[in-house]
Amino acid sequence: MLTKAIAHPGSPEFFAVFAATWVGVNLVLALLSGWLILWFRFPGGPAIQGRRFRFVSGSMGMFGFPARFSRVLFVSVGPKGIRLNLLFLFRLFSPPIMIPWSAVESVTERKLWFFRRTVIHIEGSWLEIRLQGEAAREVRRQFQSLKLAP
């Protein structure tokens, strides 16, 4: 019978399957988004000085197939760069990353459907990081001010 093949939500089997699925989802998210690639280049280190934004939405990865992060990103934007961190539930294979401004190739604004997103291109990388909201505006503002500085 099919009902015997499905673990009851309270049984040890259910929790084992749930934990294995959660680990698998975290690993796939870290790999498809490119988060691990960026982390190897730009490990997070300590928090940076600057503005902090919690529960930011965005996406990361290839243009046609990005991994979406809906209100689970923590973004810090300061004179040293951009620090990205995930909500602890999704941080298993996605430790904090700190991208220095010197590694940011471009920051542009793109309108997709009815939403504006800030698109960050990292030098020497195929990844696109897209942010929304106030954090996105601060990234654009900081990048423009650094570009204009002598």
N, C-alpha and C. Protein backbone atom coordinates (compact mmCIF):
# COMPACT_ATOMS: atom_id res chain seq x y z
N MET A 1 0.83 -1.19 0.00
CA MET A 1 0.00 0.00 0.00
C MET A 1 0.86 1.25 0.00
N LEU A 2 0.39 2.27 -0.65
CA LEU A 2 1.13 3.52 -0.76
C LEU A 2 1.26 4.22 0.59
N THR A 3 0.26 4.13 1.43
CA THR A 3 0.30 4.85 2.71
C THR A 3 1.40 4.33 3.62
N LYS A 4 1.77 3.06 3.48
CA LYS A 4 2.85 2.53 4.31
C LYS A 4 4.22 2.99 3.83
N ALA A 5 4.32 3.42 2.57
CA ALA A 5 5.60 3.87 2.03
C ALA A 5 5.93 5.29 2.48
N ILE A 6 4.91 6.05 2.88
CA ILE A 6 5.12 7.43 3.31
C ILE A 6 5.27 7.46 4.82
N ALA A 7 6.33 8.07 5.31
CA ALA A 7 6.57 8.14 6.76
C ALA A 7 5.56 9.08 7.41
N HIS A 8 5.09 8.70 8.56
CA HIS A 8 4.15 9.52 9.34
C HIS A 8 4.89 10.71 9.93
N PRO A 9 4.28 11.95 9.85
CA PRO A 9 4.99 13.13 10.34
C PRO A 9 5.21 13.10 11.85
N GLY A 10 5.98 12.55 12.42
CA GLY A 10 6.24 12.44 13.85
C GLY A 10 7.13 11.23 14.09
N SER A 11 7.23 10.43 13.06
CA SER A 11 8.06 9.23 13.16
C SER A 11 9.52 9.60 12.93
N PRO A 12 10.44 8.81 13.45
CA PRO A 12 11.86 9.06 13.20
C PRO A 12 12.22 9.04 11.71
N GLU A 13 11.52 8.20 10.94
CA GLU A 13 11.80 8.13 9.51
C GLU A 13 11.46 9.45 8.82
N PHE A 14 10.35 10.06 9.24
CA PHE A 14 9.96 11.33 8.66
C PHE A 14 11.04 12.39 8.90
N PHE A 15 11.51 12.47 10.14
CA PHE A 15 12.53 13.48 10.46
C PHE A 15 13.84 13.21 9.71
N ALA A 16 14.18 11.95 9.52
CA ALA A 16 15.40 11.62 8.77
C ALA A 16 15.25 12.04 7.30
N VAL A 17 14.10 11.74 6.71
CA VAL A 17 13.85 12.12 5.32
C VAL A 17 13.80 13.64 5.19
N PHE A 18 13.15 14.31 6.15
CA PHE A 18 13.08 15.77 6.12
C PHE A 18 14.47 16.39 6.21
N ALA A 19 15.29 15.91 7.13
CA ALA A 19 16.65 16.45 7.31
C ALA A 19 17.49 16.21 6.06
N ALA A 20 17.40 15.01 5.48
CA ALA A 20 18.16 14.72 4.26
C ALA A 20 17.71 15.61 3.10
N THR A 21 16.42 15.84 3.00
CA THR A 21 15.89 16.71 1.95
C THR A 21 16.37 18.14 2.16
N TRP A 22 16.35 18.61 3.41
CA TRP A 22 16.79 19.97 3.71
C TRP A 22 18.27 20.17 3.36
N VAL A 23 19.09 19.21 3.70
CA VAL A 23 20.51 19.27 3.37
C VAL A 23 20.68 19.29 1.85
N GLY A 24 19.94 18.44 1.16
CA GLY A 24 20.02 18.38 -0.29
C GLY A 24 19.59 19.68 -0.96
N VAL A 25 18.51 20.27 -0.49
CA VAL A 25 18.03 21.54 -1.05
C VAL A 25 19.06 22.64 -0.83
N ASN A 26 19.65 22.69 0.37
CA ASN A 26 20.68 23.70 0.66
C ASN A 26 21.90 23.52 -0.24
N LEU A 27 22.32 22.30 -0.48
CA LEU A 27 23.47 22.04 -1.34
C LEU A 27 23.18 22.43 -2.79
N VAL A 28 22.02 22.05 -3.30
CA VAL A 28 21.64 22.39 -4.68
C VAL A 28 21.55 23.91 -4.83
N LEU A 29 20.96 24.59 -3.86
CA LEU A 29 20.85 26.04 -3.91
C LEU A 29 22.23 26.70 -3.94
N ALA A 30 23.14 26.22 -3.11
CA ALA A 30 24.50 26.79 -3.07
C ALA A 30 25.25 26.56 -4.38
N LEU A 31 25.04 25.40 -4.99
CA LEU A 31 25.74 25.09 -6.24
C LEU A 31 25.14 25.82 -7.44
N LEU A 32 23.81 25.78 -7.58
CA LEU A 32 23.17 26.41 -8.73
C LEU A 32 23.28 27.93 -8.71
N SER A 33 23.25 28.50 -7.53
CA SER A 33 23.31 29.96 -7.45
C SER A 33 24.72 30.48 -7.69
N GLY A 34 25.73 29.64 -7.48
CA GLY A 34 27.11 30.08 -7.60
C GLY A 34 27.65 30.65 -6.30
N TRP A 35 26.86 30.52 -5.23
CA TRP A 35 27.27 31.08 -3.94
C TRP A 35 28.62 30.51 -3.50
N LEU A 36 28.80 29.20 -3.65
CA LEU A 36 30.07 28.57 -3.23
C LEU A 36 31.25 29.09 -4.06
N ILE A 37 31.03 29.32 -5.33
CA ILE A 37 32.10 29.85 -6.19
C ILE A 37 32.54 31.21 -5.66
N LEU A 38 31.56 32.07 -5.36
CA LEU A 38 31.90 33.38 -4.82
C LEU A 38 32.55 33.27 -3.45
N TRP A 39 32.08 32.35 -2.63
CA TRP A 39 32.64 32.22 -1.29
C TRP A 39 34.12 31.82 -1.34
N PHE A 40 34.49 30.95 -2.28
CA PHE A 40 35.91 30.58 -2.40
C PHE A 40 36.77 31.78 -2.78
N ARG A 41 36.22 32.69 -3.58
CA ARG A 41 36.96 33.91 -3.95
C ARG A 41 36.88 34.99 -2.88
N PHE A 42 35.73 35.11 -2.24
CA PHE A 42 35.48 36.21 -1.31
C PHE A 42 34.86 35.70 0.00
N PRO A 43 35.64 35.02 0.83
CA PRO A 43 35.07 34.56 2.11
C PRO A 43 34.59 35.75 2.95
N GLY A 44 33.53 35.52 3.70
CA GLY A 44 32.83 36.59 4.41
C GLY A 44 33.62 37.37 5.44
N GLY A 45 34.32 36.68 6.31
CA GLY A 45 35.05 37.39 7.36
C GLY A 45 34.10 38.11 8.30
N PRO A 46 34.63 39.06 9.07
CA PRO A 46 33.79 39.78 10.03
C PRO A 46 32.83 40.75 9.34
N ALA A 47 31.86 41.21 10.10
CA ALA A 47 30.90 42.18 9.57
C ALA A 47 31.63 43.45 9.14
N ILE A 48 31.07 44.14 8.15
CA ILE A 48 31.69 45.37 7.66
C ILE A 48 30.91 46.58 8.18
N GLN A 49 31.58 47.71 8.20
CA GLN A 49 30.92 48.97 8.55
C GLN A 49 30.09 49.42 7.36
N GLY A 50 28.93 49.94 7.64
CA GLY A 50 28.06 50.43 6.57
C GLY A 50 26.61 50.19 6.90
N ARG A 51 25.78 50.38 5.93
CA ARG A 51 24.34 50.18 6.11
C ARG A 51 24.02 48.69 6.00
N ARG A 52 23.13 48.26 6.88
CA ARG A 52 22.71 46.86 6.91
C ARG A 52 21.23 46.76 6.55
N PHE A 53 20.93 45.75 5.75
CA PHE A 53 19.56 45.52 5.31
C PHE A 53 19.19 44.07 5.60
N ARG A 54 18.05 43.87 6.21
CA ARG A 54 17.61 42.52 6.56
C ARG A 54 16.43 42.10 5.69
N PHE A 55 16.34 40.80 5.46
CA PHE A 55 15.24 40.19 4.73
C PHE A 55 15.05 40.80 3.34
N VAL A 56 16.17 40.85 2.62
CA VAL A 56 16.20 41.38 1.27
C VAL A 56 15.89 40.27 0.28
N SER A 57 15.23 40.59 -0.80
CA SER A 57 14.98 39.63 -1.88
C SER A 57 15.98 39.87 -2.99
N GLY A 58 16.33 38.79 -3.66
CA GLY A 58 17.25 38.89 -4.78
C GLY A 58 17.41 37.54 -5.44
N SER A 59 18.37 37.48 -6.35
CA SER A 59 18.66 36.22 -7.02
C SER A 59 20.13 36.23 -7.42
N MET A 60 20.62 35.05 -7.70
CA MET A 60 22.03 34.91 -8.05
C MET A 60 22.17 33.71 -8.98
N GLY A 61 23.07 33.84 -9.94
CA GLY A 61 23.33 32.74 -10.84
C GLY A 61 23.39 33.22 -12.28
N MET A 62 23.17 32.30 -13.19
CA MET A 62 23.16 32.63 -14.60
C MET A 62 21.88 33.38 -14.92
N PHE A 63 21.93 34.23 -15.95
CA PHE A 63 20.79 35.08 -16.28
C PHE A 63 19.51 34.26 -16.50
N GLY A 64 19.57 33.20 -17.25
CA GLY A 64 18.37 32.43 -17.57
C GLY A 64 17.91 31.48 -16.48
N PHE A 65 18.76 31.19 -15.51
CA PHE A 65 18.40 30.19 -14.50
C PHE A 65 18.95 30.59 -13.13
N PRO A 66 18.51 31.72 -12.59
CA PRO A 66 19.04 32.14 -11.29
C PRO A 66 18.33 31.43 -10.14
N ALA A 67 19.01 31.33 -9.02
CA ALA A 67 18.40 30.86 -7.78
C ALA A 67 17.82 32.09 -7.09
N ARG A 68 16.56 32.01 -6.70
CA ARG A 68 15.89 33.14 -6.06
C ARG A 68 15.99 33.05 -4.55
N PHE A 69 16.20 34.18 -3.93
CA PHE A 69 16.25 34.29 -2.48
C PHE A 69 15.19 35.30 -2.06
N SER A 70 14.04 34.81 -1.65
CA SER A 70 12.93 35.69 -1.29
C SER A 70 12.95 36.03 0.19
N ARG A 71 13.39 37.23 0.49
CA ARG A 71 13.42 37.77 1.85
C ARG A 71 14.25 36.94 2.82
N VAL A 72 15.34 36.37 2.33
CA VAL A 72 16.23 35.60 3.20
C VAL A 72 17.67 36.11 3.15
N LEU A 73 17.91 37.20 2.41
CA LEU A 73 19.26 37.76 2.32
C LEU A 73 19.46 38.87 3.36
N PHE A 74 20.66 38.92 3.90
CA PHE A 74 21.09 40.03 4.74
C PHE A 74 22.24 40.70 3.99
N VAL A 75 22.11 41.98 3.72
CA VAL A 75 23.07 42.69 2.89
C VAL A 75 23.65 43.84 3.70
N SER A 76 24.97 43.94 3.69
CA SER A 76 25.67 45.10 4.26
C SER A 76 26.41 45.79 3.13
N VAL A 77 26.28 47.10 3.06
CA VAL A 77 26.93 47.89 2.01
C VAL A 77 27.75 48.98 2.68
N GLY A 78 29.05 48.97 2.42
CA GLY A 78 29.91 49.95 3.05
C GLY A 78 31.07 50.34 2.15
N PRO A 79 31.99 51.13 2.67
CA PRO A 79 33.12 51.59 1.86
C PRO A 79 34.03 50.47 1.37
N LYS A 80 34.04 49.33 2.07
CA LYS A 80 34.90 48.22 1.67
C LYS A 80 34.26 47.32 0.62
N GLY A 81 32.93 47.28 0.57
CA GLY A 81 32.28 46.42 -0.40
C GLY A 81 30.88 46.02 0.02
N ILE A 82 30.47 44.87 -0.51
CA ILE A 82 29.13 44.33 -0.27
C ILE A 82 29.28 42.99 0.45
N ARG A 83 28.59 42.84 1.56
CA ARG A 83 28.61 41.58 2.30
C ARG A 83 27.23 40.96 2.20
N LEU A 84 27.18 39.70 1.77
CA LEU A 84 25.92 38.98 1.64
C LEU A 84 25.92 37.81 2.61
N ASN A 85 24.78 37.61 3.22
CA ASN A 85 24.61 36.54 4.18
C ASN A 85 23.19 36.01 4.02
N LEU A 86 22.99 34.75 4.31
CA LEU A 86 21.66 34.15 4.21
C LEU A 86 21.08 33.91 5.59
N LEU A 87 19.76 33.85 5.66
CA LEU A 87 19.07 33.45 6.87
C LEU A 87 19.63 32.11 7.32
N PHE A 88 19.79 31.92 8.62
CA PHE A 88 20.47 30.73 9.15
C PHE A 88 19.91 29.42 8.63
N LEU A 89 18.64 29.35 8.30
CA LEU A 89 18.04 28.10 7.80
C LEU A 89 18.63 27.67 6.45
N PHE A 90 19.19 28.61 5.70
CA PHE A 90 19.71 28.31 4.37
C PHE A 90 21.22 28.46 4.28
N ARG A 91 21.88 28.63 5.40
CA ARG A 91 23.30 28.95 5.42
C ARG A 91 24.21 27.71 5.43
N LEU A 92 23.66 26.53 5.43
CA LEU A 92 24.45 25.31 5.58
C LEU A 92 25.64 25.24 4.61
N PHE A 93 25.40 25.45 3.33
CA PHE A 93 26.46 25.42 2.32
C PHE A 93 26.69 26.79 1.70
N SER A 94 26.15 27.82 2.33
CA SER A 94 26.26 29.18 1.81
C SER A 94 26.73 30.13 2.90
N PRO A 95 28.01 30.06 3.26
CA PRO A 95 28.52 30.97 4.30
C PRO A 95 28.57 32.40 3.78
N PRO A 96 28.73 33.37 4.67
CA PRO A 96 28.75 34.78 4.24
C PRO A 96 29.86 35.05 3.22
N ILE A 97 29.56 35.96 2.30
CA ILE A 97 30.57 36.39 1.33
C ILE A 97 30.73 37.91 1.42
N MET A 98 31.93 38.37 1.17
CA MET A 98 32.24 39.80 1.21
C MET A 98 32.94 40.17 -0.10
N ILE A 99 32.24 40.88 -0.95
CA ILE A 99 32.77 41.24 -2.26
C ILE A 99 33.32 42.66 -2.19
N PRO A 100 34.63 42.82 -2.35
CA PRO A 100 35.20 44.18 -2.31
C PRO A 100 34.80 44.95 -3.57
N TRP A 101 34.72 46.26 -3.43
CA TRP A 101 34.35 47.09 -4.57
C TRP A 101 35.33 46.91 -5.74
N SER A 102 36.58 46.62 -5.44
CA SER A 102 37.57 46.45 -6.50
C SER A 102 37.25 45.25 -7.40
N ALA A 103 36.43 44.32 -6.92
CA ALA A 103 36.05 43.14 -7.71
C ALA A 103 34.73 43.33 -8.44
N VAL A 104 34.05 44.45 -8.19
CA VAL A 104 32.76 44.70 -8.85
C VAL A 104 33.03 45.37 -10.19
N GLU A 105 32.65 44.68 -11.25
CA GLU A 105 32.87 45.18 -12.60
C GLU A 105 31.85 46.25 -12.98
N SER A 106 30.58 45.98 -12.65
CA SER A 106 29.54 46.95 -12.98
C SER A 106 28.33 46.75 -12.07
N VAL A 107 27.58 47.82 -11.92
CA VAL A 107 26.31 47.80 -11.21
C VAL A 107 25.33 48.55 -12.09
N THR A 108 24.31 47.84 -12.54
CA THR A 108 23.33 48.45 -13.44
C THR A 108 21.93 48.21 -12.89
N GLU A 109 21.00 48.94 -13.46
CA GLU A 109 19.60 48.74 -13.09
C GLU A 109 18.88 48.10 -14.26
N ARG A 110 18.08 47.11 -13.97
CA ARG A 110 17.34 46.41 -15.02
C ARG A 110 15.89 46.30 -14.59
N LYS A 111 14.99 46.55 -15.51
CA LYS A 111 13.57 46.40 -15.22
C LYS A 111 13.10 45.08 -15.81
N LEU A 112 12.60 44.22 -14.95
CA LEU A 112 12.03 42.95 -15.38
C LEU A 112 10.57 42.93 -14.95
N TRP A 113 9.71 42.84 -15.90
CA TRP A 113 8.27 42.98 -15.69
C TRP A 113 7.98 44.31 -15.05
N PHE A 114 7.47 44.32 -13.83
CA PHE A 114 7.13 45.58 -13.18
C PHE A 114 8.13 45.95 -12.10
N PHE A 115 9.18 45.18 -11.95
CA PHE A 115 10.11 45.39 -10.84
C PHE A 115 11.47 45.84 -11.35
N ARG A 116 12.07 46.74 -10.61
CA ARG A 116 13.44 47.18 -10.90
C ARG A 116 14.39 46.38 -10.02
N ARG A 117 15.47 45.94 -10.63
CA ARG A 117 16.48 45.19 -9.90
C ARG A 117 17.85 45.80 -10.19
N THR A 118 18.68 45.75 -9.20
CA THR A 118 20.06 46.16 -9.38
C THR A 118 20.86 44.91 -9.71
N VAL A 119 21.60 44.96 -10.80
CA VAL A 119 22.38 43.81 -11.25
C VAL A 119 23.86 44.10 -11.01
N ILE A 120 24.49 43.22 -10.26
CA ILE A 120 25.90 43.37 -9.92
C ILE A 120 26.69 42.32 -10.69
N HIS A 121 27.68 42.77 -11.47
CA HIS A 121 28.56 41.87 -12.20
C HIS A 121 29.91 41.86 -11.51
N ILE A 122 30.40 40.67 -11.24
CA ILE A 122 31.69 40.49 -10.57
C ILE A 122 32.75 40.26 -11.64
N GLU A 123 33.87 40.93 -11.49
CA GLU A 123 34.98 40.81 -12.43
C GLU A 123 35.43 39.34 -12.53
N GLY A 124 35.55 38.86 -13.76
CA GLY A 124 36.02 37.50 -13.99
C GLY A 124 35.04 36.42 -13.60
N SER A 125 33.75 36.73 -13.56
CA SER A 125 32.75 35.74 -13.15
C SER A 125 31.55 35.80 -14.08
N TRP A 126 30.92 34.69 -14.29
CA TRP A 126 29.72 34.62 -15.10
C TRP A 126 28.47 34.90 -14.28
N LEU A 127 28.63 35.04 -12.97
CA LEU A 127 27.49 35.22 -12.09
C LEU A 127 26.92 36.63 -12.15
N GLU A 128 25.63 36.70 -11.98
CA GLU A 128 24.94 37.97 -11.79
C GLU A 128 24.28 37.91 -10.42
N ILE A 129 24.44 38.98 -9.66
CA ILE A 129 23.74 39.10 -8.39
C ILE A 129 22.69 40.19 -8.60
N ARG A 130 21.44 39.86 -8.34
CA ARG A 130 20.36 40.82 -8.51
C ARG A 130 19.71 41.09 -7.16
N LEU A 131 19.59 42.34 -6.81
CA LEU A 131 18.98 42.74 -5.54
C LEU A 131 17.80 43.65 -5.79
N GLN A 132 16.88 43.68 -4.85
CA GLN A 132 15.72 44.54 -4.94
C GLN A 132 15.64 45.45 -3.72
N GLY A 133 14.88 46.51 -3.84
CA GLY A 133 14.55 47.35 -2.70
C GLY A 133 15.64 48.33 -2.31
N GLU A 134 15.59 48.72 -1.05
CA GLU A 134 16.49 49.74 -0.52
C GLU A 134 17.95 49.29 -0.58
N ALA A 135 18.22 48.02 -0.33
CA ALA A 135 19.61 47.51 -0.42
C ALA A 135 20.15 47.69 -1.83
N ALA A 136 19.32 47.45 -2.82
CA ALA A 136 19.74 47.63 -4.22
C ALA A 136 20.07 49.09 -4.51
N ARG A 137 19.24 49.99 -4.02
CA ARG A 137 19.50 51.41 -4.24
C ARG A 137 20.80 51.85 -3.56
N GLU A 138 21.07 51.30 -2.37
CA GLU A 138 22.31 51.66 -1.67
C GLU A 138 23.54 51.12 -2.40
N VAL A 139 23.44 49.93 -2.96
CA VAL A 139 24.56 49.38 -3.74
C VAL A 139 24.85 50.29 -4.93
N ARG A 140 23.82 50.69 -5.65
CA ARG A 140 24.01 51.59 -6.80
C ARG A 140 24.62 52.92 -6.36
N ARG A 141 24.12 53.47 -5.27
CA ARG A 141 24.61 54.75 -4.78
C ARG A 141 26.09 54.67 -4.40
N GLN A 142 26.45 53.63 -3.65
CA GLN A 142 27.86 53.46 -3.23
C GLN A 142 28.77 53.26 -4.43
N PHE A 143 28.33 52.42 -5.37
CA PHE A 143 29.15 52.16 -6.54
C PHE A 143 29.38 53.43 -7.35
N GLN A 144 28.31 54.19 -7.55
CA GLN A 144 28.43 55.45 -8.31
C GLN A 144 29.35 56.43 -7.59
N SER A 145 29.26 56.52 -6.27
CA SER A 145 30.10 57.46 -5.54
C SER A 145 31.57 57.04 -5.60
N LEU A 146 31.85 55.75 -5.62
CA LEU A 146 33.23 55.27 -5.73
C LEU A 146 33.76 55.50 -7.15
N LYS A 147 32.90 55.35 -8.14
CA LYS A 147 33.30 55.56 -9.52
C LYS A 147 33.65 57.03 -9.79
N LEU A 148 32.92 57.92 -9.13
CA LEU A 148 33.14 59.34 -9.35
C LEU A 148 34.29 59.89 -8.53
N ALA A 149 34.68 59.15 -7.48
CA ALA A 149 35.77 59.63 -6.62
C ALA A 149 37.09 59.56 -7.38
N PRO A 150 38.00 60.53 -7.12
CA PRO A 150 39.30 60.52 -7.84
C PRO A 150 40.19 59.39 -7.38
